[in-house]
Structures are given as structure tokens and as C-alpha cells.
Amino acid sequence: MTGTLAPTQPLTAADRCDRCGAQAYVRVVLNSGGELLFCAHHMRKHDDSIRKIASEIQDETSRLHEAPATPAEDER
């Protein structure tokens, strides 16, 4: 069954896509027990194939649409 992982460690800038090395926003836990990391582009590209072999998917691609934090007045 494919779904969202229970609360787990968030992906960080150090987590890189296994396909291209870009920042990973998706963690895929495979039915076989392994784990793959993907950038948003490669997850979209291989979505159908990945879902067939995944037991769970942690998708943080929504973070790509967040506005960056702006410094407070006293930090400028």
C-alpha cells in the first residue's frame, strides 16, 4: 500500500536526488526495504513506476512553494 509516512525526519538540503544529485523532496521506501530519494522533477517523471514498488512515500514537494523567510528589522 502506498501512502504517506507517519511523522519522520524531514528531508534537508543534505538529502540529494539519487538520479541527478539535486535537493531531494521525496523519500520512497521500497517494498524490498530499501530507500530512494528524488527531486520533484524525477518523482513526477517516474511517479507511476515508483508507486508500483513503494511501500511508503514521504512527499515534501509542497515546500517548493513556500515563501522564503525574510529577516526581521533588527537583523538587516
PDB file of N, CA and C in Angstrom:
ATOM      1  N   MET A   1       0.846  -1.184   0.000  1.00  0.00           N
ATOM      2  CA  MET A   1       0.000   0.000   0.000  1.00  0.00           C
ATOM      3  C   MET A   1       0.881   1.233   0.000  1.00  0.00           C
ATOM      4  N   THR A   2       0.592   2.174  -0.857  1.00  0.00           N
ATOM      5  CA  THR A   2       1.371   3.398  -0.959  1.00  0.00           C
ATOM      6  C   THR A   2       0.647   4.500  -0.214  1.00  0.00           C
ATOM      7  N   GLY A   3       1.383   5.255   0.559  1.00  0.00           N
ATOM      8  CA  GLY A   3       0.776   6.340   1.303  1.00  0.00           C
ATOM      9  C   GLY A   3       1.831   7.280   1.812  1.00  0.00           C
ATOM     10  N   THR A   4       1.477   8.053   2.798  1.00  0.00           N
ATOM     11  CA  THR A   4       2.392   8.998   3.390  1.00  0.00           C
ATOM     12  C   THR A   4       2.959   8.398   4.659  1.00  0.00           C
ATOM     13  N   LEU A   5       4.237   8.615   4.879  1.00  0.00           N
ATOM     14  CA  LEU A   5       4.873   8.096   6.086  1.00  0.00           C
ATOM     15  C   LEU A   5       4.322   8.770   7.326  1.00  0.00           C
ATOM     16  N   ALA A   6       4.298   8.058   8.410  1.00  0.00           N
ATOM     17  CA  ALA A   6       3.994   8.667   9.691  1.00  0.00           C
ATOM     18  C   ALA A   6       5.094   9.683   9.958  1.00  0.00           C
ATOM     19  N   PRO A   7       4.886  10.618  10.865  1.00  0.00           N
ATOM     20  CA  PRO A   7       5.903  11.637  11.100  1.00  0.00           C
ATOM     21  C   PRO A   7       7.305  11.027  11.184  1.00  0.00           C
ATOM     22  N   THR A   8       8.173  11.563  10.379  1.00  0.00           N
ATOM     23  CA  THR A   8       9.539  11.071  10.287  1.00  0.00           C
ATOM     24  C   THR A   8      10.462  12.267  10.145  1.00  0.00           C
ATOM     25  N   GLN A   9      11.732  12.016  10.034  1.00  0.00           N
ATOM     26  CA  GLN A   9      12.672  13.119   9.897  1.00  0.00           C
ATOM     27  C   GLN A   9      12.418  13.838   8.580  1.00  0.00           C
ATOM     28  N   PRO A  10      12.334  15.165   8.628  1.00  0.00           N
ATOM     29  CA  PRO A  10      12.143  15.903   7.377  1.00  0.00           C
ATOM     30  C   PRO A  10      13.405  15.812   6.516  1.00  0.00           C
ATOM     31  N   LEU A  11      13.198  15.927   5.229  1.00  0.00           N
ATOM     32  CA  LEU A  11      14.328  15.950   4.314  1.00  0.00           C
ATOM     33  C   LEU A  11      15.044  17.293   4.461  1.00  0.00           C
ATOM     34  N   THR A  12      16.356  17.275   4.307  1.00  0.00           N
ATOM     35  CA  THR A  12      17.148  18.502   4.444  1.00  0.00           C
ATOM     36  C   THR A  12      17.889  18.789   3.145  1.00  0.00           C
ATOM     37  N   ALA A  13      18.584  19.907   3.101  1.00  0.00           N
ATOM     38  CA  ALA A  13      19.373  20.264   1.925  1.00  0.00           C
ATOM     39  C   ALA A  13      20.489  19.260   1.679  1.00  0.00           C
ATOM     40  N   ALA A  14      20.863  18.495   2.680  1.00  0.00           N
ATOM     41  CA  ALA A  14      21.904  17.478   2.523  1.00  0.00           C
ATOM     42  C   ALA A  14      21.385  16.224   1.832  1.00  0.00           C
ATOM     43  N   ASP A  15      20.062  16.047   1.777  1.00  0.00           N
ATOM     44  CA  ASP A  15      19.468  14.889   1.103  1.00  0.00           C
ATOM     45  C   ASP A  15      19.410  15.185  -0.385  1.00  0.00           C
ATOM     46  N   ARG A  16      20.016  14.322  -1.186  1.00  0.00           N
ATOM     47  CA  ARG A  16      20.151  14.566  -2.614  1.00  0.00           C
ATOM     48  C   ARG A  16      19.420  13.502  -3.429  1.00  0.00           C
ATOM     49  N   CYS A  17      18.908  13.901  -4.581  1.00  0.00           N
ATOM     50  CA  CYS A  17      18.217  13.003  -5.503  1.00  0.00           C
ATOM     51  C   CYS A  17      19.167  11.915  -5.969  1.00  0.00           C
ATOM     52  N   ASP A  18      18.719  10.673  -5.890  1.00  0.00           N
ATOM     53  CA  ASP A  18      19.536   9.546  -6.324  1.00  0.00           C
ATOM     54  C   ASP A  18      19.722   9.522  -7.839  1.00  0.00           C
ATOM     55  N   ARG A  19      18.930  10.249  -8.573  1.00  0.00           N
ATOM     56  CA  ARG A  19      19.031  10.266 -10.028  1.00  0.00           C
ATOM     57  C   ARG A  19      19.962  11.363 -10.536  1.00  0.00           C
ATOM     58  N   CYS A  20      19.835  12.600  -9.977  1.00  0.00           N
ATOM     59  CA  CYS A  20      20.588  13.725 -10.544  1.00  0.00           C
ATOM     60  C   CYS A  20      21.424  14.510  -9.539  1.00  0.00           C
ATOM     61  N   GLY A  21      21.226  14.281  -8.259  1.00  0.00           N
ATOM     62  CA  GLY A  21      22.004  14.991  -7.249  1.00  0.00           C
ATOM     63  C   GLY A  21      21.406  16.307  -6.781  1.00  0.00           C
ATOM     64  N   ALA A  22      20.250  16.696  -7.318  1.00  0.00           N
ATOM     65  CA  ALA A  22      19.572  17.911  -6.848  1.00  0.00           C
ATOM     66  C   ALA A  22      18.998  17.654  -5.455  1.00  0.00           C
ATOM     67  N   GLN A  23      18.545  18.722  -4.795  1.00  0.00           N
ATOM     68  CA  GLN A  23      17.966  18.541  -3.468  1.00  0.00           C
ATOM     69  C   GLN A  23      16.744  17.635  -3.559  1.00  0.00           C
ATOM     70  N   ALA A  24      16.680  16.661  -2.658  1.00  0.00           N
ATOM     71  CA  ALA A  24      15.567  15.710  -2.640  1.00  0.00           C
ATOM     72  C   ALA A  24      14.396  16.266  -1.838  1.00  0.00           C
ATOM     73  N   TYR A  25      13.209  16.086  -2.379  1.00  0.00           N
ATOM     74  CA  TYR A  25      11.985  16.479  -1.692  1.00  0.00           C
ATOM     75  C   TYR A  25      11.043  15.297  -1.501  1.00  0.00           C
ATOM     76  N   VAL A  26      11.455  14.113  -1.962  1.00  0.00           N
ATOM     77  CA  VAL A  26      10.625  12.920  -1.839  1.00  0.00           C
ATOM     78  C   VAL A  26      11.491  11.751  -1.378  1.00  0.00           C
ATOM     79  N   ARG A  27      11.024  11.062  -0.334  1.00  0.00           N
ATOM     80  CA  ARG A  27      11.674   9.833   0.141  1.00  0.00           C
ATOM     81  C   ARG A  27      10.724   8.684  -0.171  1.00  0.00           C
ATOM     82  N   VAL A  28      11.249   7.651  -0.831  1.00  0.00           N
ATOM     83  CA  VAL A  28      10.453   6.487  -1.198  1.00  0.00           C
ATOM     84  C   VAL A  28      11.014   5.280  -0.458  1.00  0.00           C
ATOM     85  N   VAL A  29      10.180   4.643   0.334  1.00  0.00           N
ATOM     86  CA  VAL A  29      10.556   3.389   0.990  1.00  0.00           C
ATOM     87  C   VAL A  29      10.035   2.271   0.097  1.00  0.00           C
ATOM     88  N   LEU A  30      10.932   1.425  -0.351  1.00  0.00           N
ATOM     89  CA  LEU A  30      10.580   0.361  -1.288  1.00  0.00           C
ATOM     90  C   LEU A  30      10.005  -0.853  -0.568  1.00  0.00           C
ATOM     91  N   ASN A  31       9.186  -1.610  -1.274  1.00  0.00           N
ATOM     92  CA  ASN A  31       8.642  -2.856  -0.724  1.00  0.00           C
ATOM     93  C   ASN A  31       9.765  -3.785  -0.282  1.00  0.00           C
ATOM     94  N   SER A  32      10.894  -3.718  -0.964  1.00  0.00           N
ATOM     95  CA  SER A  32      12.038  -4.577  -0.646  1.00  0.00           C
ATOM     96  C   SER A  32      12.797  -4.107   0.593  1.00  0.00           C
ATOM     97  N   GLY A  33      12.441  -2.927   1.106  1.00  0.00           N
ATOM     98  CA  GLY A  33      13.076  -2.415   2.310  1.00  0.00           C
ATOM     99  C   GLY A  33      14.082  -1.322   2.065  1.00  0.00           C
ATOM    100  N   GLY A  34      14.455  -1.091   0.830  1.00  0.00           N
ATOM    101  CA  GLY A  34      15.404  -0.027   0.512  1.00  0.00           C
ATOM    102  C   GLY A  34      14.736   1.336   0.533  1.00  0.00           C
ATOM    103  N   GLU A  35      15.528   2.346   0.249  1.00  0.00           N
ATOM    104  CA  GLU A  35      15.032   3.718   0.258  1.00  0.00           C
ATOM    105  C   GLU A  35      15.650   4.469  -0.904  1.00  0.00           C
ATOM    106  N   LEU A  36      14.846   5.301  -1.566  1.00  0.00           N
ATOM    107  CA  LEU A  36      15.330   6.156  -2.639  1.00  0.00           C
ATOM    108  C   LEU A  36      14.909   7.578  -2.360  1.00  0.00           C
ATOM    109  N   LEU A  37      15.726   8.535  -2.794  1.00  0.00           N
ATOM    110  CA  LEU A  37      15.413   9.948  -2.666  1.00  0.00           C
ATOM    111  C   LEU A  37      15.310  10.539  -4.062  1.00  0.00           C
ATOM    112  N   PHE A  38      14.324  11.420  -4.254  1.00  0.00           N
ATOM    113  CA  PHE A  38      14.129  12.036  -5.561  1.00  0.00           C
ATOM    114  C   PHE A  38      13.860  13.523  -5.433  1.00  0.00           C
ATOM    115  N   CYS A  39      14.314  14.280  -6.431  1.00  0.00           N
ATOM    116  CA  CYS A  39      13.906  15.675  -6.565  1.00  0.00           C
ATOM    117  C   CYS A  39      12.470  15.656  -7.089  1.00  0.00           C
ATOM    118  N   ALA A  40      11.810  16.794  -7.095  1.00  0.00           N
ATOM    119  CA  ALA A  40      10.421  16.846  -7.553  1.00  0.00           C
ATOM    120  C   ALA A  40      10.317  16.441  -9.023  1.00  0.00           C
ATOM    121  N   HIS A  41      11.260  16.880  -9.840  1.00  0.00           N
ATOM    122  CA  HIS A  41      11.238  16.569 -11.269  1.00  0.00           C
ATOM    123  C   HIS A  41      11.279  15.064 -11.514  1.00  0.00           C
ATOM    124  N   HIS A  42      12.219  14.369 -10.893  1.00  0.00           N
ATOM    125  CA  HIS A  42      12.350  12.935 -11.138  1.00  0.00           C
ATOM    126  C   HIS A  42      11.222  12.132 -10.497  1.00  0.00           C
ATOM    127  N   MET A  43      10.650  12.620  -9.426  1.00  0.00           N
ATOM    128  CA  MET A  43       9.484  11.934  -8.858  1.00  0.00           C
ATOM    129  C   MET A  43       8.316  12.024  -9.830  1.00  0.00           C
ATOM    130  N   ARG A  44       8.087  13.225 -10.386  1.00  0.00           N
ATOM    131  CA  ARG A  44       6.999  13.373 -11.369  1.00  0.00           C
ATOM    132  C   ARG A  44       7.256  12.495 -12.599  1.00  0.00           C
ATOM    133  N   LYS A  45       8.508  12.467 -13.047  1.00  0.00           N
ATOM    134  CA  LYS A  45       8.855  11.713 -14.257  1.00  0.00           C
ATOM    135  C   LYS A  45       8.618  10.214 -14.083  1.00  0.00           C
ATOM    136  N   HIS A  46       8.921   9.690 -12.901  1.00  0.00           N
ATOM    137  CA  HIS A  46       8.840   8.244 -12.667  1.00  0.00           C
ATOM    138  C   HIS A  46       7.721   7.843 -11.707  1.00  0.00           C
ATOM    139  N   ASP A  47       6.780   8.733 -11.470  1.00  0.00           N
ATOM    140  CA  ASP A  47       5.739   8.534 -10.461  1.00  0.00           C
ATOM    141  C   ASP A  47       5.018   7.188 -10.583  1.00  0.00           C
ATOM    142  N   ASP A  48       4.530   6.842 -11.755  1.00  0.00           N
ATOM    143  CA  ASP A  48       3.765   5.602 -11.914  1.00  0.00           C
ATOM    144  C   ASP A  48       4.603   4.368 -11.583  1.00  0.00           C
ATOM    145  N   SER A  49       5.831   4.337 -12.068  1.00  0.00           N
ATOM    146  CA  SER A  49       6.717   3.193 -11.809  1.00  0.00           C
ATOM    147  C   SER A  49       7.087   3.100 -10.333  1.00  0.00           C
ATOM    148  N   ILE A  50       7.355   4.235  -9.731  1.00  0.00           N
ATOM    149  CA  ILE A  50       7.765   4.267  -8.323  1.00  0.00           C
ATOM    150  C   ILE A  50       6.637   3.771  -7.425  1.00  0.00           C
ATOM    151  N   ARG A  51       5.436   4.219  -7.685  1.00  0.00           N
ATOM    152  CA  ARG A  51       4.302   3.833  -6.837  1.00  0.00           C
ATOM    153  C   ARG A  51       4.044   2.330  -6.856  1.00  0.00           C
ATOM    154  N   LYS A  52       4.413   1.663  -7.930  1.00  0.00           N
ATOM    155  CA  LYS A  52       4.224   0.208  -8.029  1.00  0.00           C
ATOM    156  C   LYS A  52       5.163  -0.560  -7.104  1.00  0.00           C
ATOM    157  N   ILE A  53       6.322   0.030  -6.759  1.00  0.00           N
ATOM    158  CA  ILE A  53       7.318  -0.681  -5.951  1.00  0.00           C
ATOM    159  C   ILE A  53       7.515  -0.060  -4.572  1.00  0.00           C
ATOM    160  N   ALA A  54       6.719   0.971  -4.248  1.00  0.00           N
ATOM    161  CA  ALA A  54       6.879   1.686  -2.982  1.00  0.00           C
ATOM    162  C   ALA A  54       5.918   1.185  -1.921  1.00  0.00           C
ATOM    163  N   SER A  55       6.419   1.067  -0.696  1.00  0.00           N
ATOM    164  CA  SER A  55       5.522   0.763   0.418  1.00  0.00           C
ATOM    165  C   SER A  55       5.049   2.061   1.063  1.00  0.00           C
ATOM    166  N   GLU A  56       5.890   3.102   1.010  1.00  0.00           N
ATOM    167  CA  GLU A  56       5.518   4.403   1.570  1.00  0.00           C
ATOM    168  C   GLU A  56       6.254   5.510   0.829  1.00  0.00           C
ATOM    169  N   ILE A  57       5.631   6.693   0.783  1.00  0.00           N
ATOM    170  CA  ILE A  57       6.231   7.847   0.126  1.00  0.00           C
ATOM    171  C   ILE A  57       6.094   9.057   1.041  1.00  0.00           C
ATOM    172  N   GLN A  58       7.203   9.712   1.294  1.00  0.00           N
ATOM    173  CA  GLN A  58       7.218  10.961   2.064  1.00  0.00           C
ATOM    174  C   GLN A  58       7.434  12.074   1.049  1.00  0.00           C
ATOM    175  N   ASP A  59       6.394  12.839   0.778  1.00  0.00           N
ATOM    176  CA  ASP A  59       6.433  13.867  -0.262  1.00  0.00           C
ATOM    177  C   ASP A  59       6.446  15.250   0.380  1.00  0.00           C
ATOM    178  N   GLU A  60       7.562  15.962   0.231  1.00  0.00           N
ATOM    179  CA  GLU A  60       7.702  17.315   0.776  1.00  0.00           C
ATOM    180  C   GLU A  60       7.799  18.350  -0.341  1.00  0.00           C
ATOM    181  N   THR A  61       7.281  18.032  -1.531  1.00  0.00           N
ATOM    182  CA  THR A  61       7.380  18.960  -2.645  1.00  0.00           C
ATOM    183  C   THR A  61       6.604  20.253  -2.398  1.00  0.00           C
ATOM    184  N   SER A  62       5.671  20.249  -1.478  1.00  0.00           N
ATOM    185  CA  SER A  62       4.927  21.480  -1.166  1.00  0.00           C
ATOM    186  C   SER A  62       5.857  22.561  -0.625  1.00  0.00           C
ATOM    187  N   ARG A  63       7.005  22.153  -0.085  1.00  0.00           N
ATOM    188  CA  ARG A  63       7.974  23.127   0.429  1.00  0.00           C
ATOM    189  C   ARG A  63       8.540  24.006  -0.685  1.00  0.00           C
ATOM    190  N   LEU A  64       8.452  23.549  -1.916  1.00  0.00           N
ATOM    191  CA  LEU A  64       8.957  24.334  -3.044  1.00  0.00           C
ATOM    192  C   LEU A  64       8.132  25.594  -3.269  1.00  0.00           C
ATOM    193  N   HIS A  65       6.918  25.628  -2.764  1.00  0.00           N
ATOM    194  CA  HIS A  65       6.026  26.762  -2.977  1.00  0.00           C
ATOM    195  C   HIS A  65       5.969  27.707  -1.782  1.00  0.00           C
ATOM    196  N   GLU A  66       6.723  27.406  -0.739  1.00  0.00           N
ATOM    197  CA  GLU A  66       6.738  28.269   0.445  1.00  0.00           C
ATOM    198  C   GLU A  66       7.563  29.514   0.157  1.00  0.00           C
ATOM    199  N   ALA A  67       7.123  30.632   0.710  1.00  0.00           N
ATOM    200  CA  ALA A  67       7.874  31.872   0.575  1.00  0.00           C
ATOM    201  C   ALA A  67       9.082  31.819   1.506  1.00  0.00           C
ATOM    202  N   PRO A  68      10.214  32.315   1.049  1.00  0.00           N
ATOM    203  CA  PRO A  68      11.388  32.304   1.926  1.00  0.00           C
ATOM    204  C   PRO A  68      11.182  33.264   3.103  1.00  0.00           C
ATOM    205  N   ALA A  69      11.788  32.932   4.202  1.00  0.00           N
ATOM    206  CA  ALA A  69      11.693  33.793   5.381  1.00  0.00           C
ATOM    207  C   ALA A  69      12.426  35.094   5.111  1.00  0.00           C
ATOM    208  N   THR A  70      11.859  36.176   5.608  1.00  0.00           N
ATOM    209  CA  THR A  70      12.515  37.482   5.453  1.00  0.00           C
ATOM    210  C   THR A  70      13.116  37.858   6.803  1.00  0.00           C
ATOM    211  N   PRO A  71      14.268  38.525   6.780  1.00  0.00           N
ATOM    212  CA  PRO A  71      14.905  38.896   8.043  1.00  0.00           C
ATOM    213  C   PRO A  71      14.075  39.934   8.797  1.00  0.00           C
ATOM    214  N   ALA A  72      14.100  39.849  10.112  1.00  0.00           N
ATOM    215  CA  ALA A  72      13.412  40.836  10.940  1.00  0.00           C
ATOM    216  C   ALA A  72      14.144  42.163  10.812  1.00  0.00           C
ATOM    217  N   GLU A  73      13.447  43.244  11.138  1.00  0.00           N
ATOM    218  CA  GLU A  73      14.020  44.582  11.042  1.00  0.00           C
ATOM    219  C   GLU A  73      15.388  44.688  11.703  1.00  0.00           C
ATOM    220  N   ASP A  74      15.528  44.104  12.892  1.00  0.00           N
ATOM    221  CA  ASP A  74      16.789  44.235  13.630  1.00  0.00           C
ATOM    222  C   ASP A  74      17.902  43.330  13.079  1.00  0.00           C
ATOM    223  N   GLU A  75      17.591  42.471  12.106  1.00  0.00           N
ATOM    224  CA  GLU A  75      18.601  41.592  11.521  1.00  0.00           C
ATOM    225  C   GLU A  75      19.147  42.137  10.212  1.00  0.00           C
ATOM    226  N   ARG A  76      18.615  43.245   9.741  1.00  0.00           N
ATOM    227  CA  ARG A  76      19.053  43.839   8.456  1.00  0.00           C
ATOM    228  C   ARG A  76      20.272  44.671   8.607  1.00  0.00           C
TER     229      ARG A  76
END
